[in-house]
């Protein structure tokens, strides 16, 4: 009996010109629903079986990462890291594109409080 996969393949277009022509497709496997509600804002695409040219395991170039702040059920401030297309960073950090959205963490959804560029 086949079971439903617990992961999905995602990708982000890096580089390229208008319409992402010539862009590298940086791909990775992540948990299902990891980018639920926020994929469009971050420039993340859920890969289809027919997508070609996906590059897995590339160390350079890599997409930018953002830290998404949220409040858990106990009222504690927490954050999670997600990939973001470089062209979308301004939209999600200062532009508020993810305001009013929810982030999926460990099987639960939480309201997004803020988004910032991840710093080491």
PDB file of N, CA and C in Angstrom:
ATOM      1  N   UNK A   1       0.843  -1.169   0.000  1.00  0.00           N
ATOM      2  CA  UNK A   1       0.000   0.000   0.000  1.00  0.00           C
ATOM      3  C   UNK A   1       0.893   1.239   0.000  1.00  0.00           C
ATOM      4  N   UNK A   2       0.684   2.132  -0.918  1.00  0.00           N
ATOM      5  CA  UNK A   2       1.486   3.357  -1.023  1.00  0.00           C
ATOM      6  C   UNK A   2       1.021   4.370   0.014  1.00  0.00           C
ATOM      7  N   UNK A   3       1.984   5.064   0.571  1.00  0.00           N
ATOM      8  CA  UNK A   3       1.651   6.115   1.529  1.00  0.00           C
ATOM      9  C   UNK A   3       1.950   7.468   0.915  1.00  0.00           C
ATOM     10  N   UNK A   4       1.268   8.471   1.392  1.00  0.00           N
ATOM     11  CA  UNK A   4       1.452   9.826   0.902  1.00  0.00           C
ATOM     12  C   UNK A   4       2.779  10.375   1.423  1.00  0.00           C
ATOM     13  N   UNK A   5       3.537  11.029   0.574  1.00  0.00           N
ATOM     14  CA  UNK A   5       4.829  11.579   0.962  1.00  0.00           C
ATOM     15  C   UNK A   5       4.659  12.686   1.996  1.00  0.00           C
ATOM     16  N   UNK A   6       5.606  12.785   2.917  1.00  0.00           N
ATOM     17  CA  UNK A   6       5.575  13.826   3.938  1.00  0.00           C
ATOM     18  C   UNK A   6       6.415  15.028   3.532  1.00  0.00           C
ATOM     19  N   UNK A   7       7.021  14.956   2.342  1.00  0.00           N
ATOM     20  CA  UNK A   7       7.849  16.058   1.866  1.00  0.00           C
ATOM     21  C   UNK A   7       7.418  16.477   0.464  1.00  0.00           C
ATOM     22  N   UNK A   8       7.887  17.647   0.065  1.00  0.00           N
ATOM     23  CA  UNK A   8       7.628  18.175  -1.264  1.00  0.00           C
ATOM     24  C   UNK A   8       8.917  18.777  -1.793  1.00  0.00           C
ATOM     25  N   UNK A   9       8.986  18.948  -3.103  1.00  0.00           N
ATOM     26  CA  UNK A   9      10.131  19.608  -3.719  1.00  0.00           C
ATOM     27  C   UNK A   9       9.740  21.048  -4.025  1.00  0.00           C
ATOM     28  N   UNK A  10      10.574  21.968  -3.586  1.00  0.00           N
ATOM     29  CA  UNK A  10      10.387  23.393  -3.819  1.00  0.00           C
ATOM     30  C   UNK A  10      11.563  23.913  -4.631  1.00  0.00           C
ATOM     31  N   UNK A  11      11.375  25.053  -5.312  1.00  0.00           N
ATOM     32  CA  UNK A  11      12.505  25.705  -5.958  1.00  0.00           C
ATOM     33  C   UNK A  11      12.319  27.214  -5.993  1.00  0.00           C
ATOM     34  N   UNK A  12      13.439  27.905  -6.168  1.00  0.00           N
ATOM     35  CA  UNK A  12      13.474  29.364  -6.322  1.00  0.00           C
ATOM     36  C   UNK A  12      14.296  29.658  -7.557  1.00  0.00           C
ATOM     37  N   UNK A  13      13.813  30.582  -8.375  1.00  0.00           N
ATOM     38  CA  UNK A  13      14.561  31.026  -9.546  1.00  0.00           C
ATOM     39  C   UNK A  13      15.598  32.051  -9.107  1.00  0.00           C
ATOM     40  N   UNK A  14      16.852  31.795  -9.454  1.00  0.00           N
ATOM     41  CA  UNK A  14      17.941  32.714  -9.138  1.00  0.00           C
ATOM     42  C   UNK A  14      18.527  33.257 -10.429  1.00  0.00           C
ATOM     43  N   UNK A  15      18.660  34.570 -10.511  1.00  0.00           N
ATOM     44  CA  UNK A  15      19.207  35.186 -11.713  1.00  0.00           C
ATOM     45  C   UNK A  15      18.181  35.188 -12.820  1.00  0.00           C
ATOM     46  N   UNK A  16      18.672  35.280 -14.034  1.00  0.00           N
ATOM     47  CA  UNK A  16      17.774  35.287 -15.178  1.00  0.00           C
ATOM     48  C   UNK A  16      17.280  36.688 -15.482  1.00  0.00           C
ATOM     49  N   UNK A  17      16.499  36.783 -16.523  1.00  0.00           N
ATOM     50  CA  UNK A  17      15.980  38.081 -16.948  1.00  0.00           C
ATOM     51  C   UNK A  17      14.473  38.103 -16.751  1.00  0.00           C
ATOM     52  N   UNK A  18      13.796  38.969 -17.461  1.00  0.00           N
ATOM     53  CA  UNK A  18      12.351  39.094 -17.345  1.00  0.00           C
ATOM     54  C   UNK A  18      11.704  37.721 -17.559  1.00  0.00           C
ATOM     55  N   UNK A  19      10.782  37.383 -16.685  1.00  0.00           N
ATOM     56  CA  UNK A  19      10.125  36.072 -16.776  1.00  0.00           C
ATOM     57  C   UNK A  19      11.016  34.924 -16.364  1.00  0.00           C
ATOM     58  N   UNK A  20      12.121  35.220 -15.674  1.00  0.00           N
ATOM     59  CA  UNK A  20      13.078  34.223 -15.185  1.00  0.00           C
ATOM     60  C   UNK A  20      13.718  33.405 -16.298  1.00  0.00           C
ATOM     61  N   UNK A  21      13.806  33.993 -17.484  1.00  0.00           N
ATOM     62  CA  UNK A  21      14.476  33.314 -18.600  1.00  0.00           C
ATOM     63  C   UNK A  21      15.958  33.201 -18.269  1.00  0.00           C
ATOM     64  N   UNK A  22      16.488  32.001 -18.334  1.00  0.00           N
ATOM     65  CA  UNK A  22      17.895  31.766 -18.044  1.00  0.00           C
ATOM     66  C   UNK A  22      18.220  31.647 -16.564  1.00  0.00           C
ATOM     67  N   UNK A  23      17.203  31.615 -15.727  1.00  0.00           N
ATOM     68  CA  UNK A  23      17.431  31.533 -14.284  1.00  0.00           C
ATOM     69  C   UNK A  23      17.844  30.120 -13.880  1.00  0.00           C
ATOM     70  N   UNK A  24      18.676  30.047 -12.826  1.00  0.00           N
ATOM     71  CA  UNK A  24      19.002  28.761 -12.226  1.00  0.00           C
ATOM     72  C   UNK A  24      17.867  28.408 -11.263  1.00  0.00           C
ATOM     73  N   UNK A  25      17.445  27.181 -11.265  1.00  0.00           N
ATOM     74  CA  UNK A  25      16.362  26.748 -10.382  1.00  0.00           C
ATOM     75  C   UNK A  25      16.964  26.018  -9.186  1.00  0.00           C
ATOM     76  N   UNK A  26      17.176  26.750  -8.097  1.00  0.00           N
ATOM     77  CA  UNK A  26      17.714  26.185  -6.861  1.00  0.00           C
ATOM     78  C   UNK A  26      16.602  25.382  -6.204  1.00  0.00           C
ATOM     79  N   UNK A  27      16.798  24.073  -6.037  1.00  0.00           N
ATOM     80  CA  UNK A  27      15.741  23.194  -5.538  1.00  0.00           C
ATOM     81  C   UNK A  27      16.150  22.508  -4.236  1.00  0.00           C
ATOM     82  N   UNK A  28      15.162  22.180  -3.438  1.00  0.00           N
ATOM     83  CA  UNK A  28      15.386  21.436  -2.194  1.00  0.00           C
ATOM     84  C   UNK A  28      14.114  20.690  -1.830  1.00  0.00           C
ATOM     85  N   UNK A  29      14.258  19.700  -0.986  1.00  0.00           N
ATOM     86  CA  UNK A  29      13.123  18.936  -0.487  1.00  0.00           C
ATOM     87  C   UNK A  29      12.847  19.404   0.934  1.00  0.00           C
ATOM     88  N   UNK A  30      11.581  19.721   1.205  1.00  0.00           N
ATOM     89  CA  UNK A  30      11.184  20.184   2.533  1.00  0.00           C
ATOM     90  C   UNK A  30       9.871  19.555   2.948  1.00  0.00           C
ATOM     91  N   UNK A  31       9.532  19.720   4.199  1.00  0.00           N
ATOM     92  CA  UNK A  31       8.288  19.162   4.720  1.00  0.00           C
ATOM     93  C   UNK A  31       7.092  19.762   3.992  1.00  0.00           C
ATOM     94  N   UNK A  32       6.051  18.955   3.878  1.00  0.00           N
ATOM     95  CA  UNK A  32       4.810  19.433   3.272  1.00  0.00           C
ATOM     96  C   UNK A  32       4.292  20.620   4.074  1.00  0.00           C
ATOM     97  N   UNK A  33       3.710  21.567   3.396  1.00  0.00           N
ATOM     98  CA  UNK A  33       3.103  22.768   3.988  1.00  0.00           C
ATOM     99  C   UNK A  33       4.108  23.751   4.554  1.00  0.00           C
ATOM    100  N   UNK A  34       5.411  23.502   4.399  1.00  0.00           N
ATOM    101  CA  UNK A  34       6.424  24.396   4.943  1.00  0.00           C
ATOM    102  C   UNK A  34       6.253  25.824   4.440  1.00  0.00           C
ATOM    103  N   UNK A  35       5.815  25.975   3.194  1.00  0.00           N
ATOM    104  CA  UNK A  35       5.627  27.292   2.594  1.00  0.00           C
ATOM    105  C   UNK A  35       4.149  27.597   2.323  1.00  0.00           C
ATOM    106  N   UNK A  36       3.267  26.861   2.990  1.00  0.00           N
ATOM    107  CA  UNK A  36       1.836  27.077   2.836  1.00  0.00           C
ATOM    108  C   UNK A  36       1.506  28.531   3.187  1.00  0.00           C
ATOM    109  N   UNK A  37       0.733  29.197   2.393  1.00  0.00           N
ATOM    110  CA  UNK A  37       0.286  30.590   2.572  1.00  0.00           C
ATOM    111  C   UNK A  37       1.343  31.647   2.272  1.00  0.00           C
ATOM    112  N   UNK A  38       2.631  31.287   2.240  1.00  0.00           N
ATOM    113  CA  UNK A  38       3.674  32.309   2.095  1.00  0.00           C
ATOM    114  C   UNK A  38       4.573  32.096   0.884  1.00  0.00           C
ATOM    115  N   UNK A  39       4.373  31.031   0.138  1.00  0.00           N
ATOM    116  CA  UNK A  39       5.254  30.705  -0.990  1.00  0.00           C
ATOM    117  C   UNK A  39       5.320  31.833  -2.008  1.00  0.00           C
ATOM    118  N   UNK A  40       4.185  32.372  -2.397  1.00  0.00           N
ATOM    119  CA  UNK A  40       4.157  33.426  -3.409  1.00  0.00           C
ATOM    120  C   UNK A  40       4.929  34.661  -2.946  1.00  0.00           C
ATOM    121  N   UNK A  41       4.731  35.058  -1.711  1.00  0.00           N
ATOM    122  CA  UNK A  41       5.426  36.223  -1.175  1.00  0.00           C
ATOM    123  C   UNK A  41       6.933  36.055  -1.124  1.00  0.00           C
ATOM    124  N   UNK A  42       7.388  34.832  -0.911  1.00  0.00           N
ATOM    125  CA  UNK A  42       8.824  34.556  -0.820  1.00  0.00           C
ATOM    126  C   UNK A  42       9.434  34.144  -2.167  1.00  0.00           C
ATOM    127  N   UNK A  43       8.605  33.989  -3.183  1.00  0.00           N
ATOM    128  CA  UNK A  43       9.108  33.585  -4.494  1.00  0.00           C
ATOM    129  C   UNK A  43       9.428  32.103  -4.591  1.00  0.00           C
ATOM    130  N   UNK A  44       8.833  31.313  -3.724  1.00  0.00           N
ATOM    131  CA  UNK A  44       9.061  29.866  -3.703  1.00  0.00           C
ATOM    132  C   UNK A  44       7.992  29.182  -4.554  1.00  0.00           C
ATOM    133  N   UNK A  45       8.423  28.221  -5.367  1.00  0.00           N
ATOM    134  CA  UNK A  45       7.512  27.501  -6.258  1.00  0.00           C
ATOM    135  C   UNK A  45       7.498  26.030  -5.857  1.00  0.00           C
ATOM    136  N   UNK A  46       6.309  25.451  -5.769  1.00  0.00           N
ATOM    137  CA  UNK A  46       6.169  24.019  -5.528  1.00  0.00           C
ATOM    138  C   UNK A  46       6.416  23.320  -6.853  1.00  0.00           C
ATOM    139  N   UNK A  47       7.425  22.463  -6.898  1.00  0.00           N
ATOM    140  CA  UNK A  47       7.813  21.799  -8.144  1.00  0.00           C
ATOM    141  C   UNK A  47       6.776  20.771  -8.564  1.00  0.00           C
ATOM    142  N   UNK A  48       6.637  20.637  -9.867  1.00  0.00           N
ATOM    143  CA  UNK A  48       5.763  19.615 -10.447  1.00  0.00           C
ATOM    144  C   UNK A  48       6.646  18.502 -11.018  1.00  0.00           C
ATOM    145  N   UNK A  49       6.068  17.372 -11.268  1.00  0.00           N
ATOM    146  CA  UNK A  49       6.809  16.249 -11.852  1.00  0.00           C
ATOM    147  C   UNK A  49       7.405  16.599 -13.201  1.00  0.00           C
ATOM    148  N   UNK A  50       6.792  17.536 -13.906  1.00  0.00           N
ATOM    149  CA  UNK A  50       7.237  17.887 -15.252  1.00  0.00           C
ATOM    150  C   UNK A  50       8.293  18.993 -15.274  1.00  0.00           C
ATOM    151  N   UNK A  51       8.619  19.595 -14.125  1.00  0.00           N
ATOM    152  CA  UNK A  51       9.635  20.662 -14.083  1.00  0.00           C
ATOM    153  C   UNK A  51      11.011  20.076 -14.366  1.00  0.00           C
ATOM    154  N   UNK A  52      11.760  20.752 -15.211  1.00  0.00           N
ATOM    155  CA  UNK A  52      13.107  20.285 -15.533  1.00  0.00           C
ATOM    156  C   UNK A  52      14.117  21.354 -15.142  1.00  0.00           C
ATOM    157  N   UNK A  53      15.375  20.969 -15.101  1.00  0.00           N
ATOM    158  CA  UNK A  53      16.443  21.912 -14.792  1.00  0.00           C
ATOM    159  C   UNK A  53      16.563  22.275 -13.328  1.00  0.00           C
ATOM    160  N   UNK A  54      16.004  21.476 -12.438  1.00  0.00           N
ATOM    161  CA  UNK A  54      16.108  21.751 -11.005  1.00  0.00           C
ATOM    162  C   UNK A  54      17.500  21.354 -10.525  1.00  0.00           C
ATOM    163  N   UNK A  55      18.137  22.234  -9.774  1.00  0.00           N
ATOM    164  CA  UNK A  55      19.489  21.972  -9.276  1.00  0.00           C
ATOM    165  C   UNK A  55      19.444  21.771  -7.763  1.00  0.00           C
ATOM    166  N   UNK A  56      19.734  20.557  -7.341  1.00  0.00           N
ATOM    167  CA  UNK A  56      19.738  20.212  -5.919  1.00  0.00           C
ATOM    168  C   UNK A  56      21.163  20.272  -5.376  1.00  0.00           C
ATOM    169  N   UNK A  57      21.314  20.672  -4.129  1.00  0.00           N
ATOM    170  CA  UNK A  57      22.601  20.596  -3.445  1.00  0.00           C
ATOM    171  C   UNK A  57      23.610  21.660  -3.810  1.00  0.00           C
ATOM    172  N   UNK A  58      23.200  22.716  -4.479  1.00  0.00           N
ATOM    173  CA  UNK A  58      24.145  23.776  -4.844  1.00  0.00           C
ATOM    174  C   UNK A  58      24.494  24.611  -3.613  1.00  0.00           C
ATOM    175  N   UNK A  59      25.780  24.853  -3.405  1.00  0.00           N
ATOM    176  CA  UNK A  59      26.210  25.703  -2.306  1.00  0.00           C
ATOM    177  C   UNK A  59      26.341  27.158  -2.721  1.00  0.00           C
ATOM    178  N   UNK A  60      26.524  27.371  -4.021  1.00  0.00           N
ATOM    179  CA  UNK A  60      26.701  28.735  -4.493  1.00  0.00           C
ATOM    180  C   UNK A  60      26.228  28.796  -5.934  1.00  0.00           C
ATOM    181  N   UNK A  61      25.331  29.656  -6.302  1.00  0.00           N
ATOM    182  CA  UNK A  61      24.634  30.623  -5.448  1.00  0.00           C
ATOM    183  C   UNK A  61      23.507  29.947  -4.666  1.00  0.00           C
ATOM    184  N   UNK A  62      23.170  30.553  -3.553  1.00  0.00           N
ATOM    185  CA  UNK A  62      22.064  30.098  -2.721  1.00  0.00           C
ATOM    186  C   UNK A  62      21.083  31.255  -2.564  1.00  0.00           C
ATOM    187  N   UNK A  63      19.813  30.953  -2.376  1.00  0.00           N
ATOM    188  CA  UNK A  63      18.839  32.024  -2.151  1.00  0.00           C
ATOM    189  C   UNK A  63      19.077  32.695  -0.803  1.00  0.00           C
ATOM    190  N   UNK A  64      18.562  33.886  -0.680  1.00  0.00           N
ATOM    191  CA  UNK A  64      18.616  34.583   0.605  1.00  0.00           C
ATOM    192  C   UNK A  64      17.737  33.841   1.608  1.00  0.00           C
ATOM    193  N   UNK A  65      17.986  34.093   2.877  1.00  0.00           N
ATOM    194  CA  UNK A  65      17.152  33.504   3.922  1.00  0.00           C
ATOM    195  C   UNK A  65      16.565  34.621   4.769  1.00  0.00           C
ATOM    196  N   UNK A  66      15.320  34.434   5.169  1.00  0.00           N
ATOM    197  CA  UNK A  66      14.665  35.408   6.037  1.00  0.00           C
ATOM    198  C   UNK A  66      14.237  34.725   7.328  1.00  0.00           C
ATOM    199  N   UNK A  67      14.215  35.514   8.387  1.00  0.00           N
ATOM    200  CA  UNK A  67      13.754  35.043   9.695  1.00  0.00           C
ATOM    201  C   UNK A  67      12.330  35.561   9.878  1.00  0.00           C
ATOM    202  N   UNK A  68      11.391  34.631  10.047  1.00  0.00           N
ATOM    203  CA  UNK A  68       9.987  34.980  10.210  1.00  0.00           C
ATOM    204  C   UNK A  68       9.632  34.860  11.683  1.00  0.00           C
ATOM    205  N   UNK A  69       9.230  35.971  12.288  1.00  0.00           N
ATOM    206  CA  UNK A  69       8.871  35.991  13.701  1.00  0.00           C
ATOM    207  C   UNK A  69       7.389  35.703  13.894  1.00  0.00           C
ATOM    208  N   UNK A  70       7.093  34.932  14.927  1.00  0.00           N
ATOM    209  CA  UNK A  70       5.705  34.601  15.257  1.00  0.00           C
ATOM    210  C   UNK A  70       5.586  34.396  16.756  1.00  0.00           C
ATOM    211  N   UNK A  71       4.364  34.333  17.262  1.00  0.00           N
ATOM    212  CA  UNK A  71       4.108  34.074  18.673  1.00  0.00           C
ATOM    213  C   UNK A  71       3.442  32.713  18.790  1.00  0.00           C
ATOM    214  N   UNK A  72       4.013  31.840  19.642  1.00  0.00           N
ATOM    215  CA  UNK A  72       3.435  30.496  19.768  1.00  0.00           C
ATOM    216  C   UNK A  72       2.190  30.508  20.659  1.00  0.00           C
ATOM    217  N   UNK A  73       1.585  29.360  20.856  1.00  0.00           N
ATOM    218  CA  UNK A  73       0.337  29.248  21.613  1.00  0.00           C
ATOM    219  C   UNK A  73       0.489  29.676  23.068  1.00  0.00           C
ATOM    220  N   UNK A  74       1.713  29.606  23.607  1.00  0.00           N
ATOM    221  CA  UNK A  74       1.952  30.000  24.999  1.00  0.00           C
ATOM    222  C   UNK A  74       2.324  31.474  25.131  1.00  0.00           C
ATOM    223  N   UNK A  75       2.331  32.215  24.026  1.00  0.00           N
ATOM    224  CA  UNK A  75       2.665  33.634  24.058  1.00  0.00           C
ATOM    225  C   UNK A  75       4.152  33.922  23.935  1.00  0.00           C
ATOM    226  N   UNK A  76       4.956  32.909  23.650  1.00  0.00           N
ATOM    227  CA  UNK A  76       6.397  33.099  23.503  1.00  0.00           C
ATOM    228  C   UNK A  76       6.734  33.556  22.093  1.00  0.00           C
ATOM    229  N   UNK A  77       7.657  34.498  21.977  1.00  0.00           N
ATOM    230  CA  UNK A  77       8.121  34.940  20.661  1.00  0.00           C
ATOM    231  C   UNK A  77       9.096  33.907  20.116  1.00  0.00           C
ATOM    232  N   UNK A  78       8.856  33.473  18.912  1.00  0.00           N
ATOM    233  CA  UNK A  78       9.701  32.475  18.255  1.00  0.00           C
ATOM    234  C   UNK A  78       9.974  32.942  16.835  1.00  0.00           C
ATOM    235  N   UNK A  79      10.871  32.235  16.160  1.00  0.00           N
ATOM    236  CA  UNK A  79      11.121  32.540  14.753  1.00  0.00           C
ATOM    237  C   UNK A  79      11.513  31.276  14.018  1.00  0.00           C
ATOM    238  N   UNK A  80      11.376  31.331  12.717  1.00  0.00           N
ATOM    239  CA  UNK A  80      11.745  30.238  11.844  1.00  0.00           C
ATOM    240  C   UNK A  80      12.422  30.823  10.613  1.00  0.00           C
ATOM    241  N   UNK A  81      13.262  30.044   9.976  1.00  0.00           N
ATOM    242  CA  UNK A  81      14.017  30.498   8.807  1.00  0.00           C
ATOM    243  C   UNK A  81      13.403  29.895   7.547  1.00  0.00           C
ATOM    244  N   UNK A  82      13.267  30.706   6.512  1.00  0.00           N
ATOM    245  CA  UNK A  82      12.780  30.235   5.221  1.00  0.00           C
ATOM    246  C   UNK A  82      13.617  30.861   4.110  1.00  0.00           C
ATOM    247  N   UNK A  83      13.738  30.158   2.972  1.00  0.00           N
ATOM    248  CA  UNK A  83      14.391  30.718   1.795  1.00  0.00           C
ATOM    249  C   UNK A  83      13.505  31.792   1.180  1.00  0.00           C
ATOM    250  N   UNK A  84      14.151  32.758   0.509  1.00  0.00           N
ATOM    251  CA  UNK A  84      13.424  33.836  -0.146  1.00  0.00           C
ATOM    252  C   UNK A  84      14.145  34.210  -1.435  1.00  0.00           C
ATOM    253  N   UNK A  85      13.395  34.407  -2.493  1.00  0.00           N
ATOM    254  CA  UNK A  85      13.981  34.866  -3.749  1.00  0.00           C
ATOM    255  C   UNK A  85      14.560  36.267  -3.524  1.00  0.00           C
ATOM    256  N   UNK A  86      15.796  36.521  -3.965  1.00  0.00           N
ATOM    257  CA  UNK A  86      16.424  37.825  -3.714  1.00  0.00           C
ATOM    258  C   UNK A  86      15.583  39.014  -4.161  1.00  0.00           C
ATOM    259  N   UNK A  87      14.840  38.885  -5.244  1.00  0.00           N
ATOM    260  CA  UNK A  87      14.006  39.991  -5.730  1.00  0.00           C
ATOM    261  C   UNK A  87      12.822  40.286  -4.813  1.00  0.00           C
ATOM    262  N   UNK A  88      12.501  39.400  -3.897  1.00  0.00           N
ATOM    263  CA  UNK A  88      11.329  39.553  -3.033  1.00  0.00           C
ATOM    264  C   UNK A  88      11.671  40.041  -1.620  1.00  0.00           C
ATOM    265  N   UNK A  89      12.946  40.181  -1.296  1.00  0.00           N
ATOM    266  CA  UNK A  89      13.337  40.541   0.072  1.00  0.00           C
ATOM    267  C   UNK A  89      12.721  41.856   0.522  1.00  0.00           C
ATOM    268  N   UNK A  90      12.794  42.872  -0.304  1.00  0.00           N
ATOM    269  CA  UNK A  90      12.210  44.168   0.059  1.00  0.00           C
ATOM    270  C   UNK A  90      10.716  44.078   0.290  1.00  0.00           C
ATOM    271  N   UNK A  91      10.039  43.275  -0.528  1.00  0.00           N
ATOM    272  CA  UNK A  91       8.588  43.120  -0.392  1.00  0.00           C
ATOM    273  C   UNK A  91       8.197  42.497   0.943  1.00  0.00           C
ATOM    274  N   UNK A  92       8.971  41.523   1.408  1.00  0.00           N
ATOM    275  CA  UNK A  92       8.584  40.820   2.639  1.00  0.00           C
ATOM    276  C   UNK A  92       9.142  41.474   3.905  1.00  0.00           C
ATOM    277  N   UNK A  93      10.268  42.176   3.806  1.00  0.00           N
ATOM    278  CA  UNK A  93      10.835  42.795   5.010  1.00  0.00           C
ATOM    279  C   UNK A  93      10.223  44.166   5.260  1.00  0.00           C
ATOM    280  N   UNK A  94      10.446  45.109   4.379  1.00  0.00           N
ATOM    281  CA  UNK A  94       9.920  46.466   4.593  1.00  0.00           C
ATOM    282  C   UNK A  94       8.572  46.685   3.922  1.00  0.00           C
ATOM    283  N   UNK A  95       8.247  45.885   2.923  1.00  0.00           N
ATOM    284  CA  UNK A  95       6.986  46.054   2.200  1.00  0.00           C
ATOM    285  C   UNK A  95       5.788  45.411   2.867  1.00  0.00           C
ATOM    286  N   UNK A  96       6.021  44.531   3.836  1.00  0.00           N
ATOM    287  CA  UNK A  96       4.925  43.912   4.585  1.00  0.00           C
ATOM    288  C   UNK A  96       4.073  42.932   3.795  1.00  0.00           C
ATOM    289  N   UNK A  97       4.633  42.317   2.771  1.00  0.00           N
ATOM    290  CA  UNK A  97       3.852  41.411   1.926  1.00  0.00           C
ATOM    291  C   UNK A  97       3.304  40.199   2.696  1.00  0.00           C
ATOM    292  N   UNK A  98       3.949  39.805   3.781  1.00  0.00           N
ATOM    293  CA  UNK A  98       3.475  38.650   4.551  1.00  0.00           C
ATOM    294  C   UNK A  98       2.613  39.056   5.756  1.00  0.00           C
ATOM    295  N   UNK A  99       2.354  40.360   5.898  1.00  0.00           N
ATOM    296  CA  UNK A  99       1.488  40.810   6.990  1.00  0.00           C
ATOM    297  C   UNK A  99       0.109  40.167   6.858  1.00  0.00           C
ATOM    298  N   UNK A 100      -0.421  39.673   7.968  1.00  0.00           N
ATOM    299  CA  UNK A 100      -1.728  39.034   7.965  1.00  0.00           C
ATOM    300  C   UNK A 100      -1.713  37.580   7.513  1.00  0.00           C
ATOM    301  N   UNK A 101      -0.545  37.071   7.158  1.00  0.00           N
ATOM    302  CA  UNK A 101      -0.434  35.671   6.733  1.00  0.00           C
ATOM    303  C   UNK A 101      -0.051  34.810   7.931  1.00  0.00           C
ATOM    304  N   UNK A 102      -0.067  33.506   7.715  1.00  0.00           N
ATOM    305  CA  UNK A 102       0.321  32.558   8.761  1.00  0.00           C
ATOM    306  C   UNK A 102       1.497  31.739   8.275  1.00  0.00           C
ATOM    307  N   UNK A 103       2.381  31.379   9.204  1.00  0.00           N
ATOM    308  CA  UNK A 103       3.523  30.525   8.883  1.00  0.00           C
ATOM    309  C   UNK A 103       3.269  29.156   9.499  1.00  0.00           C
ATOM    310  N   UNK A 104       3.646  28.117   8.779  1.00  0.00           N
ATOM    311  CA  UNK A 104       3.440  26.734   9.196  1.00  0.00           C
ATOM    312  C   UNK A 104       4.712  26.248   9.876  1.00  0.00           C
ATOM    313  N   UNK A 105       4.621  25.893  11.166  1.00  0.00           N
ATOM    314  CA  UNK A 105       5.778  25.413  11.924  1.00  0.00           C
ATOM    315  C   UNK A 105       5.354  24.189  12.728  1.00  0.00           C
ATOM    316  N   UNK A 106       6.052  23.088  12.534  1.00  0.00           N
ATOM    317  CA  UNK A 106       5.820  21.852  13.295  1.00  0.00           C
ATOM    318  C   UNK A 106       4.346  21.436  13.301  1.00  0.00           C
ATOM    319  N   UNK A 107       3.711  21.525  12.143  1.00  0.00           N
ATOM    320  CA  UNK A 107       2.345  21.052  12.014  1.00  0.00           C
ATOM    321  C   UNK A 107       1.270  22.013  12.471  1.00  0.00           C
ATOM    322  N   UNK A 108       1.643  23.239  12.839  1.00  0.00           N
ATOM    323  CA  UNK A 108       0.662  24.234  13.281  1.00  0.00           C
ATOM    324  C   UNK A 108       0.910  25.553  12.566  1.00  0.00           C
ATOM    325  N   UNK A 109      -0.145  26.357  12.458  1.00  0.00           N
ATOM    326  CA  UNK A 109      -0.027  27.672  11.833  1.00  0.00           C
ATOM    327  C   UNK A 109       0.001  28.754  12.907  1.00  0.00           C
ATOM    328  N   UNK A 110       0.849  29.755  12.678  1.00  0.00           N
ATOM    329  CA  UNK A 110       0.976  30.877  13.600  1.00  0.00           C
ATOM    330  C   UNK A 110       0.946  32.182  12.819  1.00  0.00           C
ATOM    331  N   UNK A 111       0.404  33.233  13.417  1.00  0.00           N
ATOM    332  CA  UNK A 111       0.377  34.545  12.780  1.00  0.00           C
ATOM    333  C   UNK A 111       1.794  35.104  12.689  1.00  0.00           C
ATOM    334  N   UNK A 112       2.113  35.675  11.544  1.00  0.00           N
ATOM    335  CA  UNK A 112       3.442  36.268  11.337  1.00  0.00           C
ATOM    336  C   UNK A 112       3.465  37.649  11.973  1.00  0.00           C
ATOM    337  N   UNK A 113       4.484  37.899  12.807  1.00  0.00           N
ATOM    338  CA  UNK A 113       4.657  39.204  13.450  1.00  0.00           C
ATOM    339  C   UNK A 113       5.592  40.104  12.649  1.00  0.00           C
ATOM    340  N   UNK A 114       6.685  39.540  12.138  1.00  0.00           N
ATOM    341  CA  UNK A 114       7.664  40.330  11.401  1.00  0.00           C
ATOM    342  C   UNK A 114       8.523  39.422  10.545  1.00  0.00           C
ATOM    343  N   UNK A 115       9.206  40.039   9.579  1.00  0.00           N
ATOM    344  CA  UNK A 115      10.124  39.313   8.704  1.00  0.00           C
ATOM    345  C   UNK A 115      11.372  40.157   8.567  1.00  0.00           C
ATOM    346  N   UNK A 116      12.525  39.524   8.744  1.00  0.00           N
ATOM    347  CA  UNK A 116      13.812  40.216   8.621  1.00  0.00           C
ATOM    348  C   UNK A 116      14.802  39.320   7.879  1.00  0.00           C
ATOM    349  N   UNK A 117      15.802  39.942   7.290  1.00  0.00           N
ATOM    350  CA  UNK A 117      16.858  39.162   6.643  1.00  0.00           C
ATOM    351  C   UNK A 117      17.607  38.398   7.716  1.00  0.00           C
ATOM    352  N   UNK A 118      17.879  37.138   7.477  1.00  0.00           N
ATOM    353  CA  UNK A 118      18.602  36.311   8.445  1.00  0.00           C
ATOM    354  C   UNK A 118      20.047  36.797   8.543  1.00  0.00           C
ATOM    355  N   UNK A 119      20.490  36.998   9.743  1.00  0.00           N
ATOM    356  CA  UNK A 119      21.902  37.334   9.963  1.00  0.00           C
ATOM    357  C   UNK A 119      22.533  36.203  10.760  1.00  0.00           C
ATOM    358  N   UNK A 120      23.805  35.992  10.563  1.00  0.00           N
ATOM    359  CA  UNK A 120      24.466  34.875  11.243  1.00  0.00           C
ATOM    360  C   UNK A 120      24.722  35.159  12.654  1.00  0.00           C
TER     361      UNK A 120
END
